[in-house]
Amino acid sequence: MPLSGKTILVAEDDYLIAADLFDAIKSGRGTVGQHVTTVRQAHEALSSTRFDGAVLDLKLLNGLAVSVAERLVQEGVPFILLTGYAEGSVPAALQGAPYLAKPFRREDFLKLAASHFAKTPD
């Protein structure tokens, strides 16, 4: 399975989208290590837990998650950027990051997650 043994941080402020992500991660045999809805909560989660990957909504409840993405890069945690924004409107610091537009299909998420999160050691 594409996410077998992987612990994933989900940073998403929309409950229904988060629920879809939980289901997709579970169907890929991964584990949601933590779910957060704000930039501060994401930083706190990264300070307390080691994740194999992260799904990062660009716009969380209290602002853009650019600092979270930068920290993920610094810590070597692969992430998928999930957003309703057009790809061209993603901040320059995040351009080139693995990107999945909302709404997304489970199959597309799992394919992207498998290719990016598989790079981390089990």
N, C-alpha and C. Protein backbone atom coordinates (compact mmCIF):
# COMPACT_ATOMS: atom_id res chain seq x y z
N MET A 1 0.85 -1.19 0.00
CA MET A 1 0.00 0.00 0.00
C MET A 1 0.88 1.24 0.00
N PRO A 2 0.43 2.30 -0.65
CA PRO A 2 1.29 3.46 -0.86
C PRO A 2 1.75 4.20 0.39
N LEU A 3 0.99 4.16 1.46
CA LEU A 3 1.35 4.90 2.67
C LEU A 3 1.62 3.99 3.86
N SER A 4 1.80 2.73 3.60
CA SER A 4 1.97 1.75 4.67
C SER A 4 3.09 2.16 5.62
N GLY A 5 2.74 2.27 6.90
CA GLY A 5 3.70 2.61 7.93
C GLY A 5 4.04 4.08 8.03
N LYS A 6 3.43 4.92 7.22
CA LYS A 6 3.75 6.36 7.23
C LYS A 6 2.81 7.11 8.17
N THR A 7 3.38 8.03 8.93
CA THR A 7 2.61 8.91 9.81
C THR A 7 2.56 10.29 9.16
N ILE A 8 1.34 10.76 8.92
CA ILE A 8 1.13 11.97 8.13
C ILE A 8 0.52 13.08 8.99
N LEU A 9 1.06 14.27 8.86
CA LEU A 9 0.47 15.47 9.44
C LEU A 9 -0.55 16.02 8.44
N VAL A 10 -1.75 16.29 8.91
CA VAL A 10 -2.78 16.90 8.06
C VAL A 10 -3.04 18.30 8.59
N ALA A 11 -2.68 19.30 7.80
CA ALA A 11 -2.93 20.71 8.14
C ALA A 11 -4.00 21.22 7.18
N GLU A 12 -5.24 21.14 7.61
CA GLU A 12 -6.40 21.49 6.78
C GLU A 12 -7.49 22.03 7.67
N ASP A 13 -8.04 23.21 7.31
CA ASP A 13 -9.04 23.83 8.16
C ASP A 13 -10.48 23.54 7.76
N ASP A 14 -10.69 22.86 6.66
CA ASP A 14 -12.04 22.50 6.24
C ASP A 14 -12.32 21.07 6.71
N TYR A 15 -13.33 20.92 7.56
CA TYR A 15 -13.61 19.62 8.17
C TYR A 15 -13.89 18.54 7.13
N LEU A 16 -14.69 18.85 6.12
CA LEU A 16 -15.04 17.83 5.12
C LEU A 16 -13.83 17.39 4.30
N ILE A 17 -12.98 18.33 3.95
CA ILE A 17 -11.77 17.98 3.21
C ILE A 17 -10.83 17.17 4.10
N ALA A 18 -10.72 17.57 5.36
CA ALA A 18 -9.89 16.80 6.30
C ALA A 18 -10.42 15.37 6.43
N ALA A 19 -11.73 15.22 6.51
CA ALA A 19 -12.31 13.87 6.62
C ALA A 19 -11.99 13.04 5.38
N ASP A 20 -12.04 13.66 4.20
CA ASP A 20 -11.66 12.96 2.97
C ASP A 20 -10.20 12.54 3.01
N LEU A 21 -9.34 13.42 3.53
CA LEU A 21 -7.92 13.09 3.64
C LEU A 21 -7.70 11.94 4.63
N PHE A 22 -8.39 11.98 5.77
CA PHE A 22 -8.27 10.89 6.74
C PHE A 22 -8.61 9.56 6.09
N ASP A 23 -9.73 9.54 5.35
CA ASP A 23 -10.16 8.31 4.68
C ASP A 23 -9.14 7.86 3.64
N ALA A 24 -8.62 8.80 2.88
CA ALA A 24 -7.64 8.46 1.84
C ALA A 24 -6.36 7.91 2.47
N ILE A 25 -5.88 8.56 3.53
CA ILE A 25 -4.66 8.11 4.19
C ILE A 25 -4.87 6.71 4.78
N LYS A 26 -6.02 6.52 5.41
CA LYS A 26 -6.33 5.20 5.99
C LYS A 26 -6.42 4.15 4.88
N SER A 27 -7.05 4.48 3.76
CA SER A 27 -7.18 3.50 2.67
C SER A 27 -5.82 3.15 2.08
N GLY A 28 -4.85 4.05 2.20
CA GLY A 28 -3.50 3.79 1.73
C GLY A 28 -2.63 3.15 2.80
N ARG A 29 -3.25 2.77 3.92
CA ARG A 29 -2.59 2.11 5.05
C ARG A 29 -1.65 3.02 5.83
N GLY A 30 -1.87 4.32 5.72
CA GLY A 30 -1.10 5.28 6.51
C GLY A 30 -1.86 5.65 7.77
N THR A 31 -1.23 6.50 8.58
CA THR A 31 -1.81 6.96 9.84
C THR A 31 -1.79 8.48 9.86
N VAL A 32 -2.90 9.08 10.27
CA VAL A 32 -2.92 10.52 10.50
C VAL A 32 -2.31 10.72 11.88
N GLY A 33 -1.10 11.26 11.91
CA GLY A 33 -0.41 11.48 13.17
C GLY A 33 -1.00 12.61 13.96
N GLN A 34 -1.47 13.62 13.26
CA GLN A 34 -2.10 14.76 13.91
C GLN A 34 -2.84 15.57 12.85
N HIS A 35 -3.93 16.20 13.27
CA HIS A 35 -4.69 17.10 12.41
C HIS A 35 -4.68 18.48 13.06
N VAL A 36 -4.29 19.48 12.28
CA VAL A 36 -4.24 20.86 12.78
C VAL A 36 -4.98 21.77 11.82
N THR A 37 -5.38 22.94 12.33
CA THR A 37 -6.14 23.88 11.50
C THR A 37 -5.51 25.26 11.42
N THR A 38 -4.42 25.49 12.18
CA THR A 38 -3.77 26.80 12.17
C THR A 38 -2.26 26.64 11.96
N VAL A 39 -1.63 27.72 11.59
CA VAL A 39 -0.18 27.73 11.41
C VAL A 39 0.51 27.41 12.73
N ARG A 40 0.07 28.03 13.81
CA ARG A 40 0.67 27.78 15.13
C ARG A 40 0.56 26.31 15.53
N GLN A 41 -0.60 25.73 15.35
CA GLN A 41 -0.78 24.31 15.68
C GLN A 41 0.14 23.43 14.84
N ALA A 42 0.34 23.78 13.58
CA ALA A 42 1.23 23.00 12.72
C ALA A 42 2.66 23.05 13.25
N HIS A 43 3.12 24.23 13.65
CA HIS A 43 4.47 24.35 14.21
C HIS A 43 4.59 23.57 15.52
N GLU A 44 3.57 23.63 16.34
CA GLU A 44 3.59 22.87 17.60
C GLU A 44 3.65 21.37 17.32
N ALA A 45 2.89 20.90 16.35
CA ALA A 45 2.90 19.48 15.99
C ALA A 45 4.28 19.06 15.52
N LEU A 46 4.91 19.90 14.71
CA LEU A 46 6.25 19.59 14.21
C LEU A 46 7.29 19.59 15.32
N SER A 47 7.04 20.34 16.38
CA SER A 47 7.97 20.37 17.51
C SER A 47 7.85 19.13 18.39
N SER A 48 6.70 18.47 18.34
CA SER A 48 6.47 17.36 19.25
C SER A 48 6.46 15.98 18.60
N THR A 49 6.34 15.92 17.29
CA THR A 49 6.18 14.63 16.61
C THR A 49 7.00 14.59 15.34
N ARG A 50 7.53 13.42 15.02
CA ARG A 50 8.25 13.22 13.75
C ARG A 50 7.26 12.63 12.75
N PHE A 51 7.08 13.30 11.63
CA PHE A 51 6.15 12.86 10.60
C PHE A 51 6.93 12.36 9.38
N ASP A 52 6.33 11.41 8.67
CA ASP A 52 6.91 10.91 7.43
C ASP A 52 6.48 11.73 6.23
N GLY A 53 5.45 12.55 6.41
CA GLY A 53 4.94 13.40 5.35
C GLY A 53 3.88 14.31 5.91
N ALA A 54 3.48 15.29 5.10
CA ALA A 54 2.45 16.23 5.52
C ALA A 54 1.61 16.63 4.32
N VAL A 55 0.34 16.86 4.62
CA VAL A 55 -0.58 17.45 3.64
C VAL A 55 -0.87 18.83 4.17
N LEU A 56 -0.53 19.84 3.39
CA LEU A 56 -0.55 21.22 3.87
C LEU A 56 -1.48 22.07 3.02
N ASP A 57 -2.59 22.50 3.63
CA ASP A 57 -3.47 23.46 2.97
C ASP A 57 -2.74 24.80 2.97
N LEU A 58 -2.71 25.46 1.84
CA LEU A 58 -1.99 26.73 1.74
C LEU A 58 -2.56 27.78 2.69
N LYS A 59 -3.89 27.86 2.79
CA LYS A 59 -4.51 28.89 3.62
C LYS A 59 -5.22 28.22 4.79
N LEU A 60 -4.61 28.32 5.95
CA LEU A 60 -5.21 27.79 7.17
C LEU A 60 -6.05 28.87 7.84
N LEU A 61 -6.64 28.57 8.98
CA LEU A 61 -7.55 29.51 9.63
C LEU A 61 -6.92 30.87 9.91
N ASN A 62 -5.65 30.89 10.27
CA ASN A 62 -5.04 32.17 10.66
C ASN A 62 -4.00 32.69 9.67
N GLY A 63 -4.02 32.19 8.45
CA GLY A 63 -3.11 32.75 7.45
C GLY A 63 -2.46 31.70 6.58
N LEU A 64 -1.59 32.19 5.71
CA LEU A 64 -0.88 31.30 4.78
C LEU A 64 0.14 30.45 5.53
N ALA A 65 0.30 29.23 5.07
CA ALA A 65 1.16 28.26 5.75
C ALA A 65 2.57 28.21 5.16
N VAL A 66 3.05 29.32 4.65
CA VAL A 66 4.38 29.36 4.03
C VAL A 66 5.46 28.99 5.04
N SER A 67 5.38 29.52 6.27
CA SER A 67 6.41 29.22 7.27
C SER A 67 6.40 27.73 7.64
N VAL A 68 5.24 27.10 7.60
CA VAL A 68 5.15 25.67 7.88
C VAL A 68 5.84 24.89 6.76
N ALA A 69 5.57 25.26 5.53
CA ALA A 69 6.21 24.59 4.40
C ALA A 69 7.72 24.76 4.45
N GLU A 70 8.19 25.95 4.78
CA GLU A 70 9.63 26.19 4.90
C GLU A 70 10.24 25.30 5.98
N ARG A 71 9.54 25.15 7.09
CA ARG A 71 10.03 24.29 8.16
C ARG A 71 10.06 22.83 7.73
N LEU A 72 9.03 22.39 7.03
CA LEU A 72 9.01 21.02 6.53
C LEU A 72 10.21 20.75 5.63
N VAL A 73 10.53 21.70 4.77
CA VAL A 73 11.69 21.56 3.89
C VAL A 73 12.97 21.47 4.73
N GLN A 74 13.12 22.37 5.70
CA GLN A 74 14.30 22.37 6.57
C GLN A 74 14.46 21.06 7.32
N GLU A 75 13.35 20.47 7.73
CA GLU A 75 13.40 19.24 8.51
C GLU A 75 13.38 17.98 7.64
N GLY A 76 13.32 18.17 6.33
CA GLY A 76 13.35 17.03 5.42
C GLY A 76 12.07 16.22 5.40
N VAL A 77 10.95 16.85 5.72
CA VAL A 77 9.66 16.17 5.71
C VAL A 77 8.96 16.50 4.39
N PRO A 78 8.73 15.50 3.54
CA PRO A 78 8.06 15.78 2.28
C PRO A 78 6.61 16.19 2.53
N PHE A 79 6.09 17.06 1.68
CA PHE A 79 4.71 17.50 1.84
C PHE A 79 4.05 17.67 0.49
N ILE A 80 2.73 17.63 0.55
CA ILE A 80 1.89 17.92 -0.60
C ILE A 80 1.13 19.19 -0.27
N LEU A 81 1.18 20.15 -1.15
CA LEU A 81 0.43 21.39 -0.98
C LEU A 81 -0.97 21.15 -1.54
N LEU A 82 -1.96 21.40 -0.72
CA LEU A 82 -3.36 21.20 -1.10
C LEU A 82 -4.04 22.56 -1.02
N THR A 83 -4.62 23.01 -2.13
CA THR A 83 -5.22 24.34 -2.10
C THR A 83 -6.27 24.51 -3.18
N GLY A 84 -7.16 25.43 -2.91
CA GLY A 84 -8.17 25.81 -3.89
C GLY A 84 -7.68 26.94 -4.79
N TYR A 85 -6.53 27.51 -4.46
CA TYR A 85 -5.96 28.57 -5.29
C TYR A 85 -5.44 27.99 -6.60
N ALA A 86 -5.44 28.80 -7.63
CA ALA A 86 -4.84 28.38 -8.90
C ALA A 86 -3.34 28.21 -8.69
N GLU A 87 -2.75 27.25 -9.38
CA GLU A 87 -1.32 26.96 -9.19
C GLU A 87 -0.45 28.19 -9.39
N GLY A 88 -0.80 29.05 -10.31
CA GLY A 88 -0.03 30.26 -10.57
C GLY A 88 -0.08 31.28 -9.45
N SER A 89 -1.05 31.15 -8.54
CA SER A 89 -1.16 32.12 -7.45
C SER A 89 -0.51 31.62 -6.15
N VAL A 90 0.16 30.49 -6.21
CA VAL A 90 0.88 29.96 -5.06
C VAL A 90 2.09 30.87 -4.81
N PRO A 91 2.38 31.25 -3.55
CA PRO A 91 3.53 32.11 -3.27
C PRO A 91 4.83 31.54 -3.86
N ALA A 92 5.72 32.42 -4.25
CA ALA A 92 6.97 32.02 -4.91
C ALA A 92 7.74 30.98 -4.10
N ALA A 93 7.73 31.12 -2.78
CA ALA A 93 8.48 30.19 -1.92
C ALA A 93 7.97 28.75 -2.04
N LEU A 94 6.74 28.58 -2.52
CA LEU A 94 6.15 27.24 -2.59
C LEU A 94 5.98 26.74 -4.03
N GLN A 95 6.34 27.56 -4.99
CA GLN A 95 6.20 27.11 -6.36
C GLN A 95 7.17 25.96 -6.61
N GLY A 96 6.67 24.95 -7.28
CA GLY A 96 7.46 23.76 -7.51
C GLY A 96 7.20 22.67 -6.48
N ALA A 97 6.48 23.01 -5.41
CA ALA A 97 6.11 21.99 -4.41
C ALA A 97 5.07 21.07 -5.03
N PRO A 98 5.05 19.82 -4.61
CA PRO A 98 3.99 18.92 -5.09
C PRO A 98 2.64 19.55 -4.76
N TYR A 99 1.76 19.60 -5.74
CA TYR A 99 0.55 20.41 -5.66
C TYR A 99 -0.67 19.57 -6.04
N LEU A 100 -1.72 19.69 -5.26
CA LEU A 100 -2.98 19.03 -5.57
C LEU A 100 -4.10 20.05 -5.37
N ALA A 101 -4.87 20.28 -6.43
CA ALA A 101 -5.94 21.27 -6.38
C ALA A 101 -7.19 20.69 -5.73
N LYS A 102 -7.87 21.53 -4.96
CA LYS A 102 -9.17 21.17 -4.41
C LYS A 102 -10.23 21.48 -5.47
N PRO A 103 -11.24 20.71 -5.60
CA PRO A 103 -11.43 19.40 -4.99
C PRO A 103 -10.51 18.38 -5.65
N PHE A 104 -10.19 17.33 -4.94
CA PHE A 104 -9.26 16.32 -5.46
C PHE A 104 -9.93 14.95 -5.42
N ARG A 105 -9.41 14.06 -6.23
CA ARG A 105 -9.88 12.67 -6.21
C ARG A 105 -8.94 11.86 -5.32
N ARG A 106 -9.50 10.92 -4.58
CA ARG A 106 -8.71 10.08 -3.69
C ARG A 106 -7.55 9.42 -4.43
N GLU A 107 -7.83 8.93 -5.64
CA GLU A 107 -6.80 8.24 -6.42
C GLU A 107 -5.64 9.17 -6.75
N ASP A 108 -5.96 10.43 -7.07
CA ASP A 108 -4.90 11.40 -7.38
C ASP A 108 -4.07 11.70 -6.13
N PHE A 109 -4.73 11.84 -4.98
CA PHE A 109 -4.00 12.08 -3.74
C PHE A 109 -3.07 10.91 -3.44
N LEU A 110 -3.60 9.69 -3.50
CA LEU A 110 -2.79 8.52 -3.16
C LEU A 110 -1.61 8.35 -4.10
N LYS A 111 -1.81 8.63 -5.37
CA LYS A 111 -0.71 8.53 -6.34
C LYS A 111 0.38 9.54 -6.00
N LEU A 112 -0.01 10.77 -5.74
CA LEU A 112 0.96 11.82 -5.40
C LEU A 112 1.64 11.52 -4.06
N ALA A 113 0.86 11.09 -3.08
CA ALA A 113 1.41 10.77 -1.76
C ALA A 113 2.40 9.61 -1.87
N ALA A 114 2.06 8.60 -2.64
CA ALA A 114 2.95 7.44 -2.78
C ALA A 114 4.28 7.86 -3.39
N SER A 115 4.24 8.74 -4.36
CA SER A 115 5.49 9.14 -5.02
C SER A 115 6.35 10.06 -4.17
N HIS A 116 5.74 10.85 -3.29
CA HIS A 116 6.51 11.80 -2.48
C HIS A 116 6.82 11.29 -1.08
N PHE A 117 5.88 10.59 -0.45
CA PHE A 117 6.12 10.13 0.90
C PHE A 117 6.92 8.84 0.93
N ALA A 118 7.00 8.15 -0.17
CA ALA A 118 7.78 6.91 -0.24
C ALA A 118 9.27 7.19 -0.11
N LYS A 119 9.66 8.45 -0.28
CA LYS A 119 11.08 8.82 -0.22
C LYS A 119 11.61 8.83 1.21
N THR A 120 10.73 8.77 2.19
CA THR A 120 11.18 8.78 3.57
C THR A 120 11.42 7.35 4.04
N PRO A 121 12.40 7.14 4.91
CA PRO A 121 12.67 5.78 5.38
C PRO A 121 11.54 5.26 6.25
N ASP A 122 11.32 3.94 6.21
CA ASP A 122 10.31 3.31 7.07
C ASP A 122 10.85 3.14 8.47
